[in-house]
Amino acid sequence: MSVERNKEIGRRWFEEMWSRPDFDLAYQLIHPDFKPDYIGIPKQGPELVIHEIKYFRSAFHDLRYSVEDLIADKTKVWVRYTAKMRHGGSAWGFEPTNKETEVDGMAILEVDQEGKVINQWGAFCLVDILVDLELVPPFWELCKYFPNKE
């Protein structure tokens, strides 16, 4: 694949597939064997990503990604993004707060010869989101919740 085509895939992954959401695009962009090791859902391919999108958006209905930076080669695309959202639904055991939050993250998408994403590695801090929404205490305050071991 060309570098420019891979950049387009990276941009469309976040700004269209996740932000709109466009589930038809999932079938265009994702290889049927897509199944990153870190995702523990018994699905693969486009159905896995559609499941992820639906679950995350059940808590954050208006989720919008902005691609901040893209770097690509012939087999991978590196994406740095900002996600903005309002917590309007329950997930992970938390009731909605209706508060807005924002998080920065990154992903590396591995693209095969046919232009399908076959693998993904990514990072964003869910704890930062939960702290920002005042659902969990900041990391530096967690010691208050554990017995003193002096």
N, C-alpha and C. Protein backbone atom coordinates (compact mmCIF):
# COMPACT_ATOMS: atom_id res chain seq x y z
N MET A 1 0.84 -1.18 0.00
CA MET A 1 0.00 0.00 0.00
C MET A 1 0.88 1.24 0.00
N SER A 2 0.34 2.31 -0.53
CA SER A 2 1.08 3.56 -0.54
C SER A 2 1.00 4.25 0.82
N VAL A 3 1.96 5.09 1.06
CA VAL A 3 1.99 5.86 2.31
C VAL A 3 0.75 6.73 2.41
N GLU A 4 0.38 7.40 1.34
CA GLU A 4 -0.80 8.28 1.37
C GLU A 4 -2.09 7.50 1.62
N ARG A 5 -2.19 6.31 1.01
CA ARG A 5 -3.39 5.48 1.23
C ARG A 5 -3.46 5.06 2.70
N ASN A 6 -2.34 4.71 3.30
CA ASN A 6 -2.35 4.32 4.71
C ASN A 6 -2.71 5.49 5.61
N LYS A 7 -2.26 6.69 5.27
CA LYS A 7 -2.66 7.87 6.05
C LYS A 7 -4.17 8.07 5.97
N GLU A 8 -4.73 7.87 4.77
CA GLU A 8 -6.18 8.00 4.60
C GLU A 8 -6.92 6.97 5.46
N ILE A 9 -6.41 5.74 5.52
CA ILE A 9 -7.00 4.69 6.35
C ILE A 9 -6.98 5.11 7.81
N GLY A 10 -5.85 5.62 8.29
CA GLY A 10 -5.73 6.07 9.67
C GLY A 10 -6.71 7.18 10.02
N ARG A 11 -6.83 8.14 9.12
CA ARG A 11 -7.76 9.25 9.36
C ARG A 11 -9.21 8.76 9.36
N ARG A 12 -9.56 7.94 8.38
CA ARG A 12 -10.94 7.45 8.28
C ARG A 12 -11.30 6.54 9.46
N TRP A 13 -10.33 5.78 9.97
CA TRP A 13 -10.55 4.89 11.13
C TRP A 13 -11.15 5.67 12.30
N PHE A 14 -10.56 6.84 12.59
CA PHE A 14 -11.01 7.62 13.74
C PHE A 14 -12.08 8.65 13.40
N GLU A 15 -11.87 9.42 12.36
CA GLU A 15 -12.78 10.54 12.07
C GLU A 15 -14.08 10.12 11.42
N GLU A 16 -14.12 8.93 10.81
CA GLU A 16 -15.36 8.46 10.20
C GLU A 16 -15.91 7.23 10.92
N MET A 17 -15.11 6.16 10.97
CA MET A 17 -15.62 4.90 11.51
C MET A 17 -16.02 5.04 12.98
N TRP A 18 -15.15 5.64 13.80
CA TRP A 18 -15.45 5.79 15.23
C TRP A 18 -16.31 7.02 15.51
N SER A 19 -16.08 8.14 14.83
CA SER A 19 -16.76 9.39 15.18
C SER A 19 -18.18 9.49 14.66
N ARG A 20 -18.50 8.93 13.54
CA ARG A 20 -19.85 9.12 12.98
C ARG A 20 -20.90 8.25 13.65
N PRO A 21 -20.83 7.06 13.99
CA PRO A 21 -19.95 6.00 13.50
C PRO A 21 -20.44 5.45 12.16
N ASP A 22 -19.49 4.94 11.39
CA ASP A 22 -19.78 4.38 10.07
C ASP A 22 -19.41 2.90 10.08
N PHE A 23 -20.40 2.05 10.36
CA PHE A 23 -20.13 0.61 10.45
C PHE A 23 -19.88 -0.02 9.09
N ASP A 24 -20.43 0.56 8.02
CA ASP A 24 -20.11 0.05 6.68
C ASP A 24 -18.63 0.20 6.39
N LEU A 25 -18.05 1.28 6.88
CA LEU A 25 -16.63 1.52 6.68
C LEU A 25 -15.79 0.45 7.38
N ALA A 26 -16.28 -0.07 8.50
CA ALA A 26 -15.56 -1.14 9.21
C ALA A 26 -15.33 -2.33 8.28
N TYR A 27 -16.33 -2.66 7.47
CA TYR A 27 -16.20 -3.79 6.54
C TYR A 27 -15.24 -3.48 5.40
N GLN A 28 -15.07 -2.21 5.09
CA GLN A 28 -14.12 -1.82 4.04
C GLN A 28 -12.68 -1.80 4.56
N LEU A 29 -12.51 -1.38 5.82
CA LEU A 29 -11.16 -1.15 6.34
C LEU A 29 -10.55 -2.32 7.11
N ILE A 30 -11.36 -3.21 7.64
CA ILE A 30 -10.85 -4.21 8.59
C ILE A 30 -10.80 -5.60 7.98
N HIS A 31 -9.67 -6.24 8.13
CA HIS A 31 -9.46 -7.61 7.66
C HIS A 31 -10.32 -8.56 8.50
N PRO A 32 -10.90 -9.60 7.88
CA PRO A 32 -11.73 -10.54 8.64
C PRO A 32 -10.99 -11.23 9.79
N ASP A 33 -9.66 -11.34 9.71
CA ASP A 33 -8.87 -11.99 10.77
C ASP A 33 -8.37 -11.02 11.84
N PHE A 34 -8.78 -9.75 11.79
CA PHE A 34 -8.35 -8.76 12.77
C PHE A 34 -8.74 -9.23 14.17
N LYS A 35 -7.76 -9.39 15.06
CA LYS A 35 -8.02 -9.82 16.44
C LYS A 35 -6.80 -9.50 17.29
N PRO A 36 -6.60 -8.22 17.67
CA PRO A 36 -5.47 -7.88 18.52
C PRO A 36 -5.48 -8.68 19.81
N ASP A 37 -4.31 -9.06 20.28
CA ASP A 37 -4.17 -9.90 21.47
C ASP A 37 -4.77 -9.27 22.72
N TYR A 38 -4.73 -7.96 22.83
CA TYR A 38 -5.16 -7.30 24.07
C TYR A 38 -6.67 -7.15 24.18
N ILE A 39 -7.41 -7.47 23.15
CA ILE A 39 -8.87 -7.33 23.20
C ILE A 39 -9.47 -8.69 23.53
N GLY A 40 -10.10 -8.78 24.68
CA GLY A 40 -10.61 -10.06 25.16
C GLY A 40 -12.08 -10.30 24.87
N ILE A 41 -12.53 -9.99 23.68
CA ILE A 41 -13.92 -10.23 23.31
C ILE A 41 -13.93 -11.39 22.32
N PRO A 42 -14.89 -12.31 22.41
CA PRO A 42 -14.91 -13.45 21.50
C PRO A 42 -15.46 -13.10 20.10
N LYS A 43 -14.88 -12.09 19.50
CA LYS A 43 -15.24 -11.68 18.13
C LYS A 43 -13.95 -11.35 17.41
N GLN A 44 -14.02 -11.20 16.11
CA GLN A 44 -12.86 -10.75 15.36
C GLN A 44 -13.33 -10.02 14.10
N GLY A 45 -12.37 -9.43 13.40
CA GLY A 45 -12.69 -8.70 12.19
C GLY A 45 -13.54 -7.47 12.46
N PRO A 46 -14.31 -7.05 11.46
CA PRO A 46 -15.15 -5.85 11.61
C PRO A 46 -16.12 -5.97 12.79
N GLU A 47 -16.63 -7.16 13.06
CA GLU A 47 -17.59 -7.33 14.16
C GLU A 47 -16.98 -6.99 15.51
N LEU A 48 -15.71 -7.27 15.71
CA LEU A 48 -15.04 -6.93 16.96
C LEU A 48 -14.99 -5.41 17.15
N VAL A 49 -14.59 -4.70 16.11
CA VAL A 49 -14.46 -3.25 16.20
C VAL A 49 -15.85 -2.60 16.33
N ILE A 50 -16.82 -3.09 15.62
CA ILE A 50 -18.18 -2.57 15.74
C ILE A 50 -18.68 -2.75 17.16
N HIS A 51 -18.40 -3.91 17.77
CA HIS A 51 -18.77 -4.15 19.17
C HIS A 51 -18.10 -3.12 20.09
N GLU A 52 -16.81 -2.88 19.88
CA GLU A 52 -16.08 -1.89 20.69
C GLU A 52 -16.68 -0.50 20.55
N ILE A 53 -16.94 -0.11 19.32
CA ILE A 53 -17.49 1.22 19.05
C ILE A 53 -18.85 1.37 19.75
N LYS A 54 -19.71 0.37 19.57
CA LYS A 54 -21.05 0.45 20.18
C LYS A 54 -20.95 0.53 21.70
N TYR A 55 -20.06 -0.25 22.31
CA TYR A 55 -19.96 -0.22 23.77
C TYR A 55 -19.43 1.13 24.26
N PHE A 56 -18.34 1.60 23.66
CA PHE A 56 -17.76 2.86 24.10
C PHE A 56 -18.75 4.01 23.88
N ARG A 57 -19.44 3.99 22.75
CA ARG A 57 -20.40 5.05 22.46
C ARG A 57 -21.68 4.92 23.29
N SER A 58 -21.92 3.76 23.91
CA SER A 58 -23.06 3.65 24.81
C SER A 58 -22.85 4.54 26.04
N ALA A 59 -21.61 4.80 26.39
CA ALA A 59 -21.29 5.71 27.49
C ALA A 59 -21.05 7.13 27.00
N PHE A 60 -20.51 7.25 25.79
CA PHE A 60 -20.13 8.56 25.23
C PHE A 60 -20.77 8.71 23.85
N HIS A 61 -22.05 9.07 23.83
CA HIS A 61 -22.83 9.10 22.59
C HIS A 61 -22.26 10.03 21.53
N ASP A 62 -21.69 11.13 21.95
CA ASP A 62 -21.22 12.15 21.01
C ASP A 62 -19.71 12.10 20.79
N LEU A 63 -19.10 10.96 20.99
CA LEU A 63 -17.66 10.78 20.83
C LEU A 63 -17.19 11.31 19.48
N ARG A 64 -16.16 12.18 19.52
CA ARG A 64 -15.59 12.74 18.30
C ARG A 64 -14.07 12.71 18.39
N TYR A 65 -13.46 12.12 17.39
CA TYR A 65 -12.01 12.07 17.31
C TYR A 65 -11.50 13.14 16.35
N SER A 66 -10.39 13.75 16.71
CA SER A 66 -9.65 14.64 15.81
C SER A 66 -8.26 14.07 15.68
N VAL A 67 -7.86 13.82 14.46
CA VAL A 67 -6.51 13.32 14.22
C VAL A 67 -5.56 14.50 14.31
N GLU A 68 -4.60 14.40 15.20
CA GLU A 68 -3.63 15.47 15.43
C GLU A 68 -2.35 15.27 14.64
N ASP A 69 -1.99 14.01 14.39
CA ASP A 69 -0.73 13.71 13.72
C ASP A 69 -0.83 12.34 13.07
N LEU A 70 -0.29 12.22 11.86
CA LEU A 70 -0.28 10.96 11.12
C LEU A 70 1.11 10.73 10.54
N ILE A 71 1.63 9.55 10.73
CA ILE A 71 2.88 9.14 10.07
C ILE A 71 2.62 7.76 9.52
N ALA A 72 3.06 7.48 8.31
CA ALA A 72 2.80 6.17 7.71
C ALA A 72 4.00 5.69 6.92
N ASP A 73 4.06 4.38 6.77
CA ASP A 73 4.95 3.77 5.79
C ASP A 73 4.08 2.81 4.97
N LYS A 74 4.68 1.86 4.29
CA LYS A 74 3.90 0.99 3.41
C LYS A 74 3.10 -0.08 4.13
N THR A 75 3.37 -0.32 5.43
CA THR A 75 2.64 -1.36 6.15
C THR A 75 1.99 -0.88 7.44
N LYS A 76 2.28 0.33 7.88
CA LYS A 76 1.73 0.81 9.15
C LYS A 76 1.39 2.29 9.07
N VAL A 77 0.46 2.68 9.95
CA VAL A 77 0.15 4.10 10.11
C VAL A 77 0.07 4.39 11.61
N TRP A 78 0.76 5.44 12.02
CA TRP A 78 0.78 5.89 13.41
C TRP A 78 -0.13 7.11 13.50
N VAL A 79 -1.08 7.05 14.43
CA VAL A 79 -2.07 8.10 14.56
C VAL A 79 -2.04 8.63 16.00
N ARG A 80 -1.90 9.94 16.13
CA ARG A 80 -2.08 10.60 17.43
C ARG A 80 -3.37 11.39 17.34
N TYR A 81 -4.24 11.21 18.34
CA TYR A 81 -5.57 11.82 18.26
C TYR A 81 -5.97 12.46 19.58
N THR A 82 -7.02 13.27 19.49
CA THR A 82 -7.72 13.79 20.65
C THR A 82 -9.17 13.33 20.52
N ALA A 83 -9.72 12.81 21.61
CA ALA A 83 -11.12 12.39 21.64
C ALA A 83 -11.86 13.30 22.62
N LYS A 84 -12.98 13.85 22.16
CA LYS A 84 -13.83 14.68 23.00
C LYS A 84 -15.18 14.00 23.11
N MET A 85 -15.77 14.06 24.33
CA MET A 85 -17.01 13.34 24.54
C MET A 85 -17.72 13.82 25.79
N ARG A 86 -19.01 13.51 25.84
CA ARG A 86 -19.82 13.77 27.03
C ARG A 86 -20.26 12.41 27.57
N HIS A 87 -20.16 12.24 28.88
CA HIS A 87 -20.52 10.97 29.52
C HIS A 87 -22.03 10.94 29.74
N GLY A 88 -22.75 10.38 28.76
CA GLY A 88 -24.20 10.39 28.81
C GLY A 88 -24.85 9.04 28.98
N GLY A 89 -24.06 7.99 29.15
CA GLY A 89 -24.63 6.65 29.33
C GLY A 89 -23.80 5.85 30.33
N SER A 90 -24.37 4.75 30.82
CA SER A 90 -23.64 3.96 31.81
C SER A 90 -22.76 2.92 31.12
N ALA A 91 -21.61 2.68 31.72
CA ALA A 91 -20.67 1.66 31.27
C ALA A 91 -19.65 1.44 32.38
N TRP A 92 -19.06 0.26 32.40
CA TRP A 92 -18.03 -0.10 33.40
C TRP A 92 -18.56 0.05 34.82
N GLY A 93 -19.88 -0.01 35.00
CA GLY A 93 -20.47 0.10 36.33
C GLY A 93 -20.71 1.52 36.82
N PHE A 94 -20.51 2.52 35.97
CA PHE A 94 -20.70 3.92 36.36
C PHE A 94 -21.94 4.49 35.68
N GLU A 95 -22.72 5.21 36.46
CA GLU A 95 -23.88 5.91 35.91
C GLU A 95 -23.40 7.17 35.19
N PRO A 96 -24.19 7.68 34.24
CA PRO A 96 -23.78 8.86 33.48
C PRO A 96 -23.63 10.10 34.37
N THR A 97 -22.64 10.91 34.05
CA THR A 97 -22.41 12.17 34.79
C THR A 97 -22.84 13.39 33.99
N ASN A 98 -23.01 13.23 32.69
CA ASN A 98 -23.31 14.32 31.76
C ASN A 98 -22.19 15.36 31.70
N LYS A 99 -21.01 14.99 32.16
CA LYS A 99 -19.85 15.88 32.09
C LYS A 99 -19.09 15.62 30.79
N GLU A 100 -18.44 16.67 30.31
CA GLU A 100 -17.59 16.55 29.13
C GLU A 100 -16.18 16.21 29.56
N THR A 101 -15.49 15.48 28.69
CA THR A 101 -14.10 15.14 28.93
C THR A 101 -13.36 15.05 27.60
N GLU A 102 -12.07 15.01 27.72
CA GLU A 102 -11.19 14.96 26.54
C GLU A 102 -9.99 14.10 26.89
N VAL A 103 -9.52 13.32 25.94
CA VAL A 103 -8.35 12.48 26.17
C VAL A 103 -7.50 12.43 24.90
N ASP A 104 -6.21 12.37 25.10
CA ASP A 104 -5.27 12.18 23.98
C ASP A 104 -4.89 10.71 23.94
N GLY A 105 -4.65 10.21 22.75
CA GLY A 105 -4.26 8.82 22.60
C GLY A 105 -3.49 8.61 21.32
N MET A 106 -3.10 7.37 21.11
CA MET A 106 -2.38 7.03 19.89
C MET A 106 -2.71 5.61 19.49
N ALA A 107 -2.51 5.32 18.22
CA ALA A 107 -2.72 3.97 17.71
C ALA A 107 -1.75 3.72 16.57
N ILE A 108 -1.37 2.48 16.44
CA ILE A 108 -0.60 2.02 15.28
C ILE A 108 -1.47 0.99 14.59
N LEU A 109 -1.77 1.22 13.33
CA LEU A 109 -2.58 0.29 12.55
C LEU A 109 -1.67 -0.42 11.55
N GLU A 110 -1.71 -1.74 11.54
CA GLU A 110 -0.95 -2.52 10.55
C GLU A 110 -1.88 -2.81 9.38
N VAL A 111 -1.43 -2.45 8.18
CA VAL A 111 -2.26 -2.56 6.98
C VAL A 111 -1.66 -3.59 6.04
N ASP A 112 -2.50 -4.51 5.55
CA ASP A 112 -2.00 -5.53 4.63
C ASP A 112 -1.95 -5.01 3.19
N GLN A 113 -1.55 -5.86 2.26
CA GLN A 113 -1.39 -5.46 0.84
C GLN A 113 -2.70 -5.02 0.20
N GLU A 114 -3.83 -5.52 0.71
CA GLU A 114 -5.14 -5.15 0.13
C GLU A 114 -5.73 -3.90 0.77
N GLY A 115 -5.01 -3.29 1.70
CA GLY A 115 -5.52 -2.08 2.33
C GLY A 115 -6.46 -2.34 3.49
N LYS A 116 -6.36 -3.51 4.10
CA LYS A 116 -7.19 -3.86 5.25
C LYS A 116 -6.34 -3.83 6.52
N VAL A 117 -6.90 -3.30 7.58
CA VAL A 117 -6.20 -3.27 8.87
C VAL A 117 -6.26 -4.68 9.46
N ILE A 118 -5.08 -5.26 9.69
CA ILE A 118 -4.97 -6.63 10.20
C ILE A 118 -4.62 -6.66 11.69
N ASN A 119 -4.04 -5.56 12.20
CA ASN A 119 -3.65 -5.52 13.61
C ASN A 119 -3.64 -4.08 14.08
N GLN A 120 -3.69 -3.91 15.40
CA GLN A 120 -3.71 -2.57 15.99
C GLN A 120 -3.06 -2.62 17.36
N TRP A 121 -2.33 -1.58 17.67
CA TRP A 121 -1.81 -1.35 19.01
C TRP A 121 -2.20 0.07 19.37
N GLY A 122 -2.64 0.30 20.57
CA GLY A 122 -3.07 1.65 20.91
C GLY A 122 -2.93 1.93 22.39
N ALA A 123 -3.01 3.20 22.71
CA ALA A 123 -2.93 3.61 24.12
C ALA A 123 -3.69 4.91 24.32
N PHE A 124 -4.52 4.90 25.35
CA PHE A 124 -5.11 6.11 25.90
C PHE A 124 -5.37 5.76 27.36
N CYS A 125 -5.59 6.74 28.17
CA CYS A 125 -5.71 6.48 29.60
C CYS A 125 -7.17 6.58 30.04
N LEU A 126 -7.81 5.43 30.18
CA LEU A 126 -9.19 5.39 30.66
C LEU A 126 -9.28 5.96 32.07
N VAL A 127 -8.25 5.76 32.88
CA VAL A 127 -8.26 6.30 34.24
C VAL A 127 -8.33 7.82 34.20
N ASP A 128 -7.62 8.47 33.27
CA ASP A 128 -7.71 9.92 33.14
C ASP A 128 -9.15 10.36 32.85
N ILE A 129 -9.84 9.61 32.01
CA ILE A 129 -11.23 9.92 31.71
C ILE A 129 -12.08 9.80 32.97
N LEU A 130 -11.91 8.70 33.70
CA LEU A 130 -12.70 8.46 34.90
C LEU A 130 -12.41 9.49 35.99
N VAL A 131 -11.15 9.91 36.12
CA VAL A 131 -10.79 10.96 37.08
C VAL A 131 -11.42 12.28 36.66
N ASP A 132 -11.31 12.61 35.39
CA ASP A 132 -11.87 13.86 34.88
C ASP A 132 -13.38 13.93 35.11
N LEU A 133 -14.05 12.79 35.01
CA LEU A 133 -15.50 12.73 35.24
C LEU A 133 -15.84 12.62 36.73
N GLU A 134 -14.81 12.62 37.59
CA GLU A 134 -14.94 12.51 39.04
C GLU A 134 -15.61 11.20 39.46
N LEU A 135 -15.32 10.13 38.72
CA LEU A 135 -15.85 8.81 39.05
C LEU A 135 -14.88 8.01 39.91
N VAL A 136 -13.60 8.31 39.80
CA VAL A 136 -12.56 7.69 40.64
C VAL A 136 -11.62 8.79 41.10
N PRO A 137 -10.95 8.59 42.22
CA PRO A 137 -10.01 9.61 42.70
C PRO A 137 -8.75 9.64 41.86
N PRO A 138 -8.06 10.77 41.86
CA PRO A 138 -6.77 10.83 41.15
C PRO A 138 -5.78 9.81 41.74
N PHE A 139 -4.87 9.38 40.93
CA PHE A 139 -3.89 8.38 41.32
C PHE A 139 -3.19 8.73 42.63
N TRP A 140 -2.79 10.00 42.78
CA TRP A 140 -2.04 10.41 43.97
C TRP A 140 -2.87 10.39 45.25
N GLU A 141 -4.20 10.24 45.11
CA GLU A 141 -5.06 10.16 46.29
C GLU A 141 -5.46 8.73 46.65
N LEU A 142 -5.05 7.76 45.86
CA LEU A 142 -5.47 6.39 46.11
C LEU A 142 -4.97 5.85 47.45
N CYS A 143 -3.86 6.37 47.94
CA CYS A 143 -3.32 5.90 49.22
C CYS A 143 -4.31 6.06 50.35
N LYS A 144 -5.24 6.99 50.23
CA LYS A 144 -6.26 7.21 51.27
C LYS A 144 -7.19 5.99 51.42
N TYR A 145 -7.24 5.18 50.39
CA TYR A 145 -8.19 4.06 50.37
C TYR A 145 -7.55 2.74 50.80
N PHE A 146 -6.28 2.76 51.16
CA PHE A 146 -5.58 1.56 51.59
C PHE A 146 -5.08 1.74 53.01
N PRO A 147 -5.07 0.67 53.78
CA PRO A 147 -4.59 0.80 55.16
C PRO A 147 -3.11 1.20 55.20
N ASN A 148 -2.79 2.00 56.19
CA ASN A 148 -1.39 2.42 56.38
C ASN A 148 -0.59 1.22 56.87
N LYS A 149 0.54 0.95 56.23
CA LYS A 149 1.33 -0.23 56.56
C LYS A 149 2.56 0.13 57.40
N GLU A 150 2.48 1.12 58.23
CA GLU A 150 3.62 1.51 59.06
C GLU A 150 3.84 0.56 60.19
